[in-house]
């Protein structure tokens, strides 16, 4: 896709932040005030059937406020940041958009062009060569934990430094891109750096750590009380298990261990809390370093959002 001239670029407000920060509530308020649908930016909410654990909006909420980019694929299907960008772009191409969520690399894929060598569509995830590559390295990872990230560091240390060693999905994709291009993907991106294709106002909702931790605990217990374990049991009965990326999502992988008898529910609950705190730290880091925007606002409390500035940004056609 050609780079848009600044005057033709859509204006998008993105309400992002760590998990349990309160983005959904602020997003609904913004949708009502701005008369825009919510473009959900969440790597788990795209999967059908993963509802409770992803805090997906209920049918009642969706009836009140229009939500897009939910339930796009089955749990056994692959879905990438490039796929998200392809689904989301037509929804902002008209000129204005409201993105709400916590998956920063999905927003980045929407907001910036891809380097030529990493462009979506070149050997998609279901291509036989890509499938064989992924299967080979996933098996090696099972045999030698950490093998994927170590291999990436050996061929492209710059890219490896930007990806947490536990993030196997991003590490494996980066390793594939190095293989596909025959050289470090960081070199490809340096020659053809991403360019903004929309005007982005980034609103980062980031409560104090103590407040956020309390919200995480309360939210997790609400999810468990709402039947999250039964949801995982139902997914397992339908044939979805740890082979599928969706079922390796935070919380789902721990509860799948409970369903399959590898750990107790109290142990899984504690592990989910630890992993959630770690994930929130990674989200904060990503939003600080990987999402340059025309305007960035960092809020401790959703009530502090300056609505006049948001409305003026959407109404202003200049970069």
C-alpha atoms as a PDB file:
ATOM      1  CA  UNK A   1       0.000   0.000   0.000  1.00  0.00           C
ATOM      2  CA  UNK A   2       1.339   3.414  -0.916  1.00  0.00           C
ATOM      3  CA  UNK A   3       2.221   5.818   1.876  1.00  0.00           C
ATOM      4  CA  UNK A   4      -0.615   8.285   2.380  1.00  0.00           C
ATOM      5  CA  UNK A   5      -0.033  11.993   2.166  1.00  0.00           C
ATOM      6  CA  UNK A   6      -0.355  13.557   5.645  1.00  0.00           C
ATOM      7  CA  UNK A   7      -3.578  15.350   4.759  1.00  0.00           C
ATOM      8  CA  UNK A   8      -5.131  12.068   3.624  1.00  0.00           C
ATOM      9  CA  UNK A   9      -4.122  10.035   6.653  1.00  0.00           C
ATOM     10  CA  UNK A  10      -6.872   8.828   8.980  1.00  0.00           C
ATOM     11  CA  UNK A  11      -6.848  10.213  12.515  1.00  0.00           C
ATOM     12  CA  UNK A  12      -6.981   7.489  15.150  1.00  0.00           C
ATOM     13  CA  UNK A  13      -7.217   7.710  18.928  1.00  0.00           C
ATOM     14  CA  UNK A  14      -5.875   4.579  20.611  1.00  0.00           C
ATOM     15  CA  UNK A  15      -6.661   3.903  24.265  1.00  0.00           C
ATOM     16  CA  UNK A  16      -4.002   1.420  25.338  1.00  0.00           C
ATOM     17  CA  UNK A  17      -2.370   0.246  28.539  1.00  0.00           C
ATOM     18  CA  UNK A  18      -1.528  -2.758  30.691  1.00  0.00           C
ATOM     19  CA  UNK A  19      -4.053  -5.456  31.411  1.00  0.00           C
ATOM     20  CA  UNK A  20      -6.739  -4.580  33.995  1.00  0.00           C
ATOM     21  CA  UNK A  21      -6.025  -0.843  33.679  1.00  0.00           C
ATOM     22  CA  UNK A  22      -9.665  -0.011  32.892  1.00  0.00           C
ATOM     23  CA  UNK A  23      -9.313   0.514  29.147  1.00  0.00           C
ATOM     24  CA  UNK A  24     -12.632  -1.132  28.273  1.00  0.00           C
ATOM     25  CA  UNK A  25     -14.697   1.235  30.411  1.00  0.00           C
ATOM     26  CA  UNK A  26     -12.880   4.302  29.133  1.00  0.00           C
ATOM     27  CA  UNK A  27     -13.199   2.983  25.600  1.00  0.00           C
ATOM     28  CA  UNK A  28     -16.972   2.664  25.901  1.00  0.00           C
ATOM     29  CA  UNK A  29     -17.223   6.207  27.226  1.00  0.00           C
ATOM     30  CA  UNK A  30     -15.076   7.423  24.332  1.00  0.00           C
ATOM     31  CA  UNK A  31     -17.200   5.543  21.790  1.00  0.00           C
ATOM     32  CA  UNK A  32     -20.339   7.254  23.073  1.00  0.00           C
ATOM     33  CA  UNK A  33     -18.781  10.727  23.204  1.00  0.00           C
ATOM     34  CA  UNK A  34     -17.102  10.474  19.810  1.00  0.00           C
ATOM     35  CA  UNK A  35     -19.854   8.516  18.038  1.00  0.00           C
ATOM     36  CA  UNK A  36     -17.345   5.897  16.887  1.00  0.00           C
ATOM     37  CA  UNK A  37     -17.282   2.103  17.116  1.00  0.00           C
ATOM     38  CA  UNK A  38     -14.592   0.483  19.236  1.00  0.00           C
ATOM     39  CA  UNK A  39     -11.916  -1.266  17.192  1.00  0.00           C
ATOM     40  CA  UNK A  40     -10.784  -3.898  19.679  1.00  0.00           C
ATOM     41  CA  UNK A  41      -7.001  -4.374  19.739  1.00  0.00           C
ATOM     42  CA  UNK A  42      -6.496  -7.667  21.558  1.00  0.00           C
ATOM     43  CA  UNK A  43      -4.660 -10.791  20.431  1.00  0.00           C
ATOM     44  CA  UNK A  44      -6.948 -13.135  22.404  1.00  0.00           C
ATOM     45  CA  UNK A  45     -10.327 -11.534  21.736  1.00  0.00           C
ATOM     46  CA  UNK A  46      -9.917 -12.351  18.030  1.00  0.00           C
ATOM     47  CA  UNK A  47     -10.539 -16.043  18.871  1.00  0.00           C
ATOM     48  CA  UNK A  48     -14.055 -17.403  19.022  1.00  0.00           C
ATOM     49  CA  UNK A  49     -14.872 -19.182  22.275  1.00  0.00           C
ATOM     50  CA  UNK A  50     -12.155 -17.501  24.342  1.00  0.00           C
ATOM     51  CA  UNK A  51     -14.594 -15.179  26.052  1.00  0.00           C
ATOM     52  CA  UNK A  52     -14.288 -15.120  29.838  1.00  0.00           C
ATOM     53  CA  UNK A  53     -10.492 -15.261  30.018  1.00  0.00           C
ATOM     54  CA  UNK A  54     -10.065 -12.487  27.465  1.00  0.00           C
ATOM     55  CA  UNK A  55     -12.619 -10.244  29.208  1.00  0.00           C
ATOM     56  CA  UNK A  56     -14.532 -10.067  25.947  1.00  0.00           C
ATOM     57  CA  UNK A  57     -17.494  -7.664  26.075  1.00  0.00           C
ATOM     58  CA  UNK A  58     -20.823  -9.340  26.683  1.00  0.00           C
ATOM     59  CA  UNK A  59     -23.658  -9.433  24.185  1.00  0.00           C
ATOM     60  CA  UNK A  60     -25.448  -6.761  26.234  1.00  0.00           C
ATOM     61  CA  UNK A  61     -22.407  -4.471  26.097  1.00  0.00           C
ATOM     62  CA  UNK A  62     -22.022  -5.035  22.364  1.00  0.00           C
ATOM     63  CA  UNK A  63     -25.657  -4.133  21.862  1.00  0.00           C
ATOM     64  CA  UNK A  64     -25.046  -0.830  23.632  1.00  0.00           C
ATOM     65  CA  UNK A  65     -21.698   0.019  22.005  1.00  0.00           C
ATOM     66  CA  UNK A  66     -20.559  -1.324  18.664  1.00  0.00           C
ATOM     67  CA  UNK A  67     -17.362  -3.406  18.886  1.00  0.00           C
ATOM     68  CA  UNK A  68     -15.374  -4.521  15.850  1.00  0.00           C
ATOM     69  CA  UNK A  69     -12.553  -7.070  15.400  1.00  0.00           C
ATOM     70  CA  UNK A  70     -13.890  -9.669  17.829  1.00  0.00           C
ATOM     71  CA  UNK A  71     -14.348 -13.409  17.140  1.00  0.00           C
ATOM     72  CA  UNK A  72     -12.494 -13.334  13.830  1.00  0.00           C
ATOM     73  CA  UNK A  73     -11.047 -16.865  13.830  1.00  0.00           C
ATOM     74  CA  UNK A  74     -11.423 -20.290  15.472  1.00  0.00           C
ATOM     75  CA  UNK A  75      -8.923 -21.251  18.204  1.00  0.00           C
ATOM     76  CA  UNK A  76      -7.040 -23.608  15.877  1.00  0.00           C
ATOM     77  CA  UNK A  77      -6.423 -20.934  13.241  1.00  0.00           C
ATOM     78  CA  UNK A  78      -3.358 -18.736  12.974  1.00  0.00           C
ATOM     79  CA  UNK A  79      -3.735 -14.984  13.297  1.00  0.00           C
ATOM     80  CA  UNK A  80      -0.926 -12.450  13.077  1.00  0.00           C
ATOM     81  CA  UNK A  81      -0.442  -8.735  13.574  1.00  0.00           C
ATOM     82  CA  UNK A  82      -0.519  -8.410   9.798  1.00  0.00           C
ATOM     83  CA  UNK A  83      -3.901 -10.159   9.734  1.00  0.00           C
ATOM     84  CA  UNK A  84      -5.149  -7.689  12.330  1.00  0.00           C
ATOM     85  CA  UNK A  85      -3.944  -4.734  10.268  1.00  0.00           C
ATOM     86  CA  UNK A  86      -5.703  -6.063   7.158  1.00  0.00           C
ATOM     87  CA  UNK A  87      -8.985  -6.435   9.058  1.00  0.00           C
ATOM     88  CA  UNK A  88      -8.670  -3.080  10.828  1.00  0.00           C
ATOM     89  CA  UNK A  89      -7.485  -0.822   8.022  1.00  0.00           C
ATOM     90  CA  UNK A  90     -10.813  -0.610   6.122  1.00  0.00           C
ATOM     91  CA  UNK A  91     -12.469   0.462   9.386  1.00  0.00           C
ATOM     92  CA  UNK A  92     -10.255   3.551   9.763  1.00  0.00           C
ATOM     93  CA  UNK A  93      -9.742   4.337   6.089  1.00  0.00           C
ATOM     94  CA  UNK A  94     -12.778   6.621   6.165  1.00  0.00           C
ATOM     95  CA  UNK A  95     -10.868   9.171   8.222  1.00  0.00           C
ATOM     96  CA  UNK A  96     -11.425   8.564  11.963  1.00  0.00           C
ATOM     97  CA  UNK A  97     -11.041   5.647  14.322  1.00  0.00           C
ATOM     98  CA  UNK A  98     -11.078   4.603  17.983  1.00  0.00           C
ATOM     99  CA  UNK A  99      -8.819   1.694  18.937  1.00  0.00           C
ATOM    100  CA  UNK A 100      -9.020   0.172  22.415  1.00  0.00           C
ATOM    101  CA  UNK A 101      -6.905  -2.638  23.818  1.00  0.00           C
ATOM    102  CA  UNK A 102      -3.600  -3.861  25.142  1.00  0.00           C
ATOM    103  CA  UNK A 103      -1.859  -5.560  22.213  1.00  0.00           C
ATOM    104  CA  UNK A 104       0.646  -2.942  21.188  1.00  0.00           C
ATOM    105  CA  UNK A 105       2.160  -4.826  18.262  1.00  0.00           C
ATOM    106  CA  UNK A 106      -1.318  -5.104  16.687  1.00  0.00           C
ATOM    107  CA  UNK A 107      -1.656  -1.334  16.873  1.00  0.00           C
ATOM    108  CA  UNK A 108       1.830  -0.889  15.437  1.00  0.00           C
ATOM    109  CA  UNK A 109       0.946  -3.133  12.491  1.00  0.00           C
ATOM    110  CA  UNK A 110      -2.097  -0.966  11.819  1.00  0.00           C
ATOM    111  CA  UNK A 111      -0.364   2.383  12.290  1.00  0.00           C
ATOM    112  CA  UNK A 112       2.830   1.786  10.321  1.00  0.00           C
ATOM    113  CA  UNK A 113       3.799   0.281   6.992  1.00  0.00           C
ATOM    114  CA  UNK A 114       5.752  -2.968   7.059  1.00  0.00           C
ATOM    115  CA  UNK A 115       9.301  -3.310   5.823  1.00  0.00           C
ATOM    116  CA  UNK A 116       9.268  -4.886   2.388  1.00  0.00           C
ATOM    117  CA  UNK A 117      10.912  -8.087   3.537  1.00  0.00           C
ATOM    118  CA  UNK A 118       8.436  -8.557   6.366  1.00  0.00           C
ATOM    119  CA  UNK A 119       5.305  -7.644   4.479  1.00  0.00           C
ATOM    120  CA  UNK A 120       2.231  -9.723   5.262  1.00  0.00           C
ATOM    121  CA  UNK A 121       1.345 -12.041   2.420  1.00  0.00           C
ATOM    122  CA  UNK A 122       4.870 -13.324   1.712  1.00  0.00           C
ATOM    123  CA  UNK A 123       4.614 -17.019   2.593  1.00  0.00           C
ATOM    124  CA  UNK A 124       1.603 -16.809   4.956  1.00  0.00           C
ATOM    125  CA  UNK A 125       1.472 -18.919   8.145  1.00  0.00           C
ATOM    126  CA  UNK A 126      -0.271 -21.805   6.339  1.00  0.00           C
ATOM    127  CA  UNK A 127       2.371 -22.023   3.589  1.00  0.00           C
ATOM    128  CA  UNK A 128       3.910 -25.561   3.691  1.00  0.00           C
ATOM    129  CA  UNK A 129       7.456 -24.240   4.040  1.00  0.00           C
ATOM    130  CA  UNK A 130       6.440 -21.941   6.891  1.00  0.00           C
ATOM    131  CA  UNK A 131       4.452 -24.717   8.602  1.00  0.00           C
ATOM    132  CA  UNK A 132       7.414 -27.108   8.413  1.00  0.00           C
ATOM    133  CA  UNK A 133       9.739 -24.398   9.769  1.00  0.00           C
ATOM    134  CA  UNK A 134       7.444 -23.654  12.711  1.00  0.00           C
ATOM    135  CA  UNK A 135       6.906 -27.337  13.534  1.00  0.00           C
ATOM    136  CA  UNK A 136      10.634 -28.052  13.454  1.00  0.00           C
ATOM    137  CA  UNK A 137      11.458 -25.215  15.822  1.00  0.00           C
ATOM    138  CA  UNK A 138       8.484 -25.828  18.118  1.00  0.00           C
ATOM    139  CA  UNK A 139       9.682 -29.412  18.577  1.00  0.00           C
ATOM    140  CA  UNK A 140      13.208 -28.207  19.255  1.00  0.00           C
ATOM    141  CA  UNK A 141      11.842 -25.730  21.798  1.00  0.00           C
ATOM    142  CA  UNK A 142      10.075 -28.575  23.602  1.00  0.00           C
ATOM    143  CA  UNK A 143      13.324 -30.549  23.663  1.00  0.00           C
ATOM    144  CA  UNK A 144      15.538 -27.581  24.501  1.00  0.00           C
ATOM    145  CA  UNK A 145      13.629 -24.748  26.228  1.00  0.00           C
ATOM    146  CA  UNK A 146      14.933 -21.399  25.027  1.00  0.00           C
ATOM    147  CA  UNK A 147      16.232 -22.774  21.716  1.00  0.00           C
ATOM    148  CA  UNK A 148      14.170 -20.419  19.543  1.00  0.00           C
ATOM    149  CA  UNK A 149      15.314 -17.220  21.207  1.00  0.00           C
ATOM    150  CA  UNK A 150      18.937 -18.414  21.324  1.00  0.00           C
ATOM    151  CA  UNK A 151      18.827 -19.164  17.602  1.00  0.00           C
ATOM    152  CA  UNK A 152      17.346 -15.727  16.904  1.00  0.00           C
ATOM    153  CA  UNK A 153      20.061 -14.075  18.987  1.00  0.00           C
ATOM    154  CA  UNK A 154      22.705 -15.943  16.991  1.00  0.00           C
ATOM    155  CA  UNK A 155      21.451 -14.678  13.618  1.00  0.00           C
ATOM    156  CA  UNK A 156      19.961 -11.301  14.614  1.00  0.00           C
ATOM    157  CA  UNK A 157      21.002 -10.078  18.087  1.00  0.00           C
ATOM    158  CA  UNK A 158      19.439  -6.646  17.536  1.00  0.00           C
ATOM    159  CA  UNK A 159      15.975  -8.103  16.969  1.00  0.00           C
ATOM    160  CA  UNK A 160      16.440 -10.658  19.746  1.00  0.00           C
ATOM    161  CA  UNK A 161      17.152  -7.869  22.227  1.00  0.00           C
ATOM    162  CA  UNK A 162      13.745  -6.335  21.472  1.00  0.00           C
ATOM    163  CA  UNK A 163      11.808  -9.565  22.168  1.00  0.00           C
ATOM    164  CA  UNK A 164      11.385 -11.127  25.598  1.00  0.00           C
ATOM    165  CA  UNK A 165      12.892 -14.651  25.677  1.00  0.00           C
ATOM    166  CA  UNK A 166       9.559 -16.057  26.853  1.00  0.00           C
ATOM    167  CA  UNK A 167       7.673 -14.595  23.892  1.00  0.00           C
ATOM    168  CA  UNK A 168       7.956 -17.649  21.666  1.00  0.00           C
ATOM    169  CA  UNK A 169       5.429 -16.411  19.101  1.00  0.00           C
ATOM    170  CA  UNK A 170       7.332 -13.225  18.268  1.00  0.00           C
ATOM    171  CA  UNK A 171      10.722 -14.950  18.532  1.00  0.00           C
ATOM    172  CA  UNK A 172       9.692 -17.690  16.130  1.00  0.00           C
ATOM    173  CA  UNK A 173       8.195 -15.229  13.657  1.00  0.00           C
ATOM    174  CA  UNK A 174      11.381 -13.123  13.720  1.00  0.00           C
ATOM    175  CA  UNK A 175      13.491 -16.235  13.206  1.00  0.00           C
ATOM    176  CA  UNK A 176      11.296 -17.165  10.241  1.00  0.00           C
ATOM    177  CA  UNK A 177      11.686 -13.683   8.726  1.00  0.00           C
ATOM    178  CA  UNK A 178      15.461 -14.017   8.975  1.00  0.00           C
ATOM    179  CA  UNK A 179      15.218 -17.388   7.240  1.00  0.00           C
ATOM    180  CA  UNK A 180      12.823 -16.083   4.604  1.00  0.00           C
ATOM    181  CA  UNK A 181      14.986 -13.046   3.779  1.00  0.00           C
ATOM    182  CA  UNK A 182      18.332 -14.808   4.050  1.00  0.00           C
ATOM    183  CA  UNK A 183      19.674 -12.135   6.402  1.00  0.00           C
ATOM    184  CA  UNK A 184      18.805 -10.476   9.723  1.00  0.00           C
ATOM    185  CA  UNK A 185      15.360  -8.927   9.605  1.00  0.00           C
ATOM    186  CA  UNK A 186      16.805  -5.916  11.463  1.00  0.00           C
ATOM    187  CA  UNK A 187      18.912  -5.220   8.352  1.00  0.00           C
ATOM    188  CA  UNK A 188      15.813  -5.346   6.147  1.00  0.00           C
ATOM    189  CA  UNK A 189      13.946  -2.980   8.429  1.00  0.00           C
ATOM    190  CA  UNK A 190      16.909  -0.598   8.600  1.00  0.00           C
ATOM    191  CA  UNK A 191      16.887  -0.299   4.812  1.00  0.00           C
ATOM    192  CA  UNK A 192      13.122   0.142   4.639  1.00  0.00           C
ATOM    193  CA  UNK A 193      11.970   1.521   8.011  1.00  0.00           C
ATOM    194  CA  UNK A 194       8.261   1.542   8.807  1.00  0.00           C
ATOM    195  CA  UNK A 195       6.434   4.761   7.985  1.00  0.00           C
ATOM    196  CA  UNK A 196       3.311   6.129   9.641  1.00  0.00           C
ATOM    197  CA  UNK A 197       0.186   5.637   7.584  1.00  0.00           C
ATOM    198  CA  UNK A 198      -2.208   7.299  10.025  1.00  0.00           C
ATOM    199  CA  UNK A 199      -2.198  10.132  12.565  1.00  0.00           C
ATOM    200  CA  UNK A 200      -2.100   8.526  15.973  1.00  0.00           C
ATOM    201  CA  UNK A 201      -3.047   9.928  19.347  1.00  0.00           C
ATOM    202  CA  UNK A 202      -1.903   7.394  21.929  1.00  0.00           C
ATOM    203  CA  UNK A 203      -3.726   7.490  25.254  1.00  0.00           C
ATOM    204  CA  UNK A 204      -1.909   5.250  27.732  1.00  0.00           C
ATOM    205  CA  UNK A 205      -4.016   4.391  30.774  1.00  0.00           C
ATOM    206  CA  UNK A 206      -1.474   3.291  33.394  1.00  0.00           C
ATOM    207  CA  UNK A 207      -2.691   3.267  37.021  1.00  0.00           C
ATOM    208  CA  UNK A 208      -0.307   3.155  39.983  1.00  0.00           C
ATOM    209  CA  UNK A 209       1.192  -0.351  40.386  1.00  0.00           C
ATOM    210  CA  UNK A 210      -0.608  -1.025  43.667  1.00  0.00           C
ATOM    211  CA  UNK A 211      -3.962  -0.060  42.202  1.00  0.00           C
ATOM    212  CA  UNK A 212      -3.304  -2.132  39.106  1.00  0.00           C
ATOM    213  CA  UNK A 213      -2.305  -5.193  41.117  1.00  0.00           C
ATOM    214  CA  UNK A 214      -5.520  -5.032  43.166  1.00  0.00           C
ATOM    215  CA  UNK A 215      -7.531  -4.827  39.948  1.00  0.00           C
ATOM    216  CA  UNK A 216      -5.693  -7.831  38.518  1.00  0.00           C
ATOM    217  CA  UNK A 217      -6.526  -9.953  41.547  1.00  0.00           C
ATOM    218  CA  UNK A 218     -10.182  -8.923  41.614  1.00  0.00           C
ATOM    219  CA  UNK A 219     -10.583  -9.423  37.876  1.00  0.00           C
ATOM    220  CA  UNK A 220      -9.018 -12.872  37.941  1.00  0.00           C
ATOM    221  CA  UNK A 221     -11.312 -13.994  40.741  1.00  0.00           C
ATOM    222  CA  UNK A 222     -14.345 -12.621  38.879  1.00  0.00           C
ATOM    223  CA  UNK A 223     -13.314 -14.588  35.796  1.00  0.00           C
ATOM    224  CA  UNK A 224     -12.903 -17.790  37.765  1.00  0.00           C
ATOM    225  CA  UNK A 225     -16.261 -17.245  39.476  1.00  0.00           C
ATOM    226  CA  UNK A 226     -17.848 -16.614  36.060  1.00  0.00           C
ATOM    227  CA  UNK A 227     -16.806 -20.072  34.830  1.00  0.00           C
ATOM    228  CA  UNK A 228     -13.434 -19.597  33.167  1.00  0.00           C
ATOM    229  CA  UNK A 229     -12.334 -23.146  34.022  1.00  0.00           C
ATOM    230  CA  UNK A 230     -15.539 -24.557  32.516  1.00  0.00           C
ATOM    231  CA  UNK A 231     -14.863 -22.496  29.379  1.00  0.00           C
ATOM    232  CA  UNK A 232     -11.426 -24.094  29.060  1.00  0.00           C
ATOM    233  CA  UNK A 233     -12.934 -27.554  29.626  1.00  0.00           C
ATOM    234  CA  UNK A 234     -15.410 -26.903  26.820  1.00  0.00           C
ATOM    235  CA  UNK A 235     -12.637 -25.770  24.489  1.00  0.00           C
ATOM    236  CA  UNK A 236     -10.603 -28.875  25.347  1.00  0.00           C
ATOM    237  CA  UNK A 237     -13.588 -31.118  24.659  1.00  0.00           C
ATOM    238  CA  UNK A 238     -13.914 -29.429  21.251  1.00  0.00           C
ATOM    239  CA  UNK A 239     -10.373 -30.537  20.430  1.00  0.00           C
ATOM    240  CA  UNK A 240      -8.419 -27.367  21.193  1.00  0.00           C
ATOM    241  CA  UNK A 241      -5.274 -27.893  23.251  1.00  0.00           C
ATOM    242  CA  UNK A 242      -1.699 -26.658  23.728  1.00  0.00           C
ATOM    243  CA  UNK A 243      -0.910 -27.325  20.062  1.00  0.00           C
ATOM    244  CA  UNK A 244      -2.958 -24.262  19.226  1.00  0.00           C
ATOM    245  CA  UNK A 245      -1.635 -20.734  19.748  1.00  0.00           C
ATOM    246  CA  UNK A 246      -4.917 -19.508  21.233  1.00  0.00           C
ATOM    247  CA  UNK A 247      -4.776 -22.104  24.003  1.00  0.00           C
ATOM    248  CA  UNK A 248      -1.283 -20.970  24.950  1.00  0.00           C
ATOM    249  CA  UNK A 249      -2.618 -17.510  25.808  1.00  0.00           C
ATOM    250  CA  UNK A 250      -2.128 -16.166  29.319  1.00  0.00           C
ATOM    251  CA  UNK A 251      -4.465 -17.955  31.705  1.00  0.00           C
ATOM    252  CA  UNK A 252      -5.703 -20.461  29.167  1.00  0.00           C
ATOM    253  CA  UNK A 253      -2.461 -22.429  29.234  1.00  0.00           C
ATOM    254  CA  UNK A 254      -2.480 -22.573  33.046  1.00  0.00           C
ATOM    255  CA  UNK A 255      -6.138 -23.651  33.224  1.00  0.00           C
ATOM    256  CA  UNK A 256      -5.549 -26.191  30.469  1.00  0.00           C
ATOM    257  CA  UNK A 257      -2.996 -27.757  32.825  1.00  0.00           C
ATOM    258  CA  UNK A 258      -5.749 -27.980  35.452  1.00  0.00           C
ATOM    259  CA  UNK A 259      -8.176 -29.578  33.005  1.00  0.00           C
ATOM    260  CA  UNK A 260      -5.536 -32.100  31.933  1.00  0.00           C
ATOM    261  CA  UNK A 261      -4.529 -32.879  35.518  1.00  0.00           C
ATOM    262  CA  UNK A 262      -1.048 -31.359  35.580  1.00  0.00           C
ATOM    263  CA  UNK A 263      -1.665 -28.811  38.337  1.00  0.00           C
ATOM    264  CA  UNK A 264      -4.220 -27.711  40.890  1.00  0.00           C
ATOM    265  CA  UNK A 265      -6.529 -24.741  40.463  1.00  0.00           C
ATOM    266  CA  UNK A 266      -4.926 -22.756  43.351  1.00  0.00           C
ATOM    267  CA  UNK A 267      -1.484 -23.270  41.794  1.00  0.00           C
ATOM    268  CA  UNK A 268      -2.799 -22.195  38.390  1.00  0.00           C
ATOM    269  CA  UNK A 269      -4.416 -19.102  39.909  1.00  0.00           C
ATOM    270  CA  UNK A 270      -1.115 -18.036  41.482  1.00  0.00           C
ATOM    271  CA  UNK A 271       0.780 -18.668  38.249  1.00  0.00           C
ATOM    272  CA  UNK A 272      -1.767 -16.612  36.291  1.00  0.00           C
ATOM    273  CA  UNK A 273      -1.279 -13.670  38.672  1.00  0.00           C
ATOM    274  CA  UNK A 274       2.512 -13.834  38.343  1.00  0.00           C
ATOM    275  CA  UNK A 275       2.307 -14.089  34.552  1.00  0.00           C
ATOM    276  CA  UNK A 276      -0.215 -11.229  34.414  1.00  0.00           C
ATOM    277  CA  UNK A 277       2.103  -8.919  36.343  1.00  0.00           C
ATOM    278  CA  UNK A 278       4.969  -9.833  34.021  1.00  0.00           C
ATOM    279  CA  UNK A 279       2.797  -9.242  30.986  1.00  0.00           C
ATOM    280  CA  UNK A 280       1.733  -5.818  32.281  1.00  0.00           C
ATOM    281  CA  UNK A 281       5.395  -4.821  32.613  1.00  0.00           C
ATOM    282  CA  UNK A 282       6.060  -5.884  29.018  1.00  0.00           C
ATOM    283  CA  UNK A 283       3.003  -3.942  27.834  1.00  0.00           C
ATOM    284  CA  UNK A 284       4.244  -0.781  29.563  1.00  0.00           C
ATOM    285  CA  UNK A 285       7.682  -1.161  28.025  1.00  0.00           C
ATOM    286  CA  UNK A 286       6.289  -1.715  24.531  1.00  0.00           C
ATOM    287  CA  UNK A 287       3.995   1.295  24.701  1.00  0.00           C
ATOM    288  CA  UNK A 288       6.874   3.497  25.870  1.00  0.00           C
ATOM    289  CA  UNK A 289       9.370   2.435  23.208  1.00  0.00           C
ATOM    290  CA  UNK A 290       7.642   0.940  20.169  1.00  0.00           C
ATOM    291  CA  UNK A 291       4.676   3.188  19.438  1.00  0.00           C
ATOM    292  CA  UNK A 292       5.724   6.686  18.365  1.00  0.00           C
ATOM    293  CA  UNK A 293       2.634   8.835  17.946  1.00  0.00           C
ATOM    294  CA  UNK A 294       1.739  12.330  16.846  1.00  0.00           C
ATOM    295  CA  UNK A 295       0.443  12.899  20.377  1.00  0.00           C
ATOM    296  CA  UNK A 296       0.826  10.787  23.526  1.00  0.00           C
ATOM    297  CA  UNK A 297      -1.070  11.202  26.787  1.00  0.00           C
ATOM    298  CA  UNK A 298      -0.275   9.089  29.862  1.00  0.00           C
ATOM    299  CA  UNK A 299      -3.025   8.924  32.475  1.00  0.00           C
ATOM    300  CA  UNK A 300      -3.108   7.429  35.948  1.00  0.00           C
ATOM    301  CA  UNK A 301      -6.884   7.686  36.100  1.00  0.00           C
ATOM    302  CA  UNK A 302      -9.449   7.438  33.316  1.00  0.00           C
ATOM    303  CA  UNK A 303     -11.228  10.507  34.684  1.00  0.00           C
ATOM    304  CA  UNK A 304      -8.205  12.632  33.757  1.00  0.00           C
ATOM    305  CA  UNK A 305      -8.664  12.243  29.996  1.00  0.00           C
ATOM    306  CA  UNK A 306      -8.844  15.730  28.387  1.00  0.00           C
ATOM    307  CA  UNK A 307     -11.799  15.171  26.085  1.00  0.00           C
ATOM    308  CA  UNK A 308     -11.387  18.512  24.363  1.00  0.00           C
ATOM    309  CA  UNK A 309      -7.889  17.550  23.192  1.00  0.00           C
ATOM    310  CA  UNK A 310      -9.135  14.204  21.913  1.00  0.00           C
ATOM    311  CA  UNK A 311     -11.979  15.772  19.963  1.00  0.00           C
ATOM    312  CA  UNK A 312      -9.709  18.460  18.552  1.00  0.00           C
ATOM    313  CA  UNK A 313      -7.203  15.824  17.395  1.00  0.00           C
ATOM    314  CA  UNK A 314      -9.879  13.881  15.521  1.00  0.00           C
ATOM    315  CA  UNK A 315     -11.254  17.054  13.946  1.00  0.00           C
ATOM    316  CA  UNK A 316      -7.831  18.391  12.921  1.00  0.00           C
ATOM    317  CA  UNK A 317      -6.810  17.214   9.438  1.00  0.00           C
ATOM    318  CA  UNK A 318      -3.224  18.449   9.778  1.00  0.00           C
ATOM    319  CA  UNK A 319      -0.403  16.164  10.972  1.00  0.00           C
END
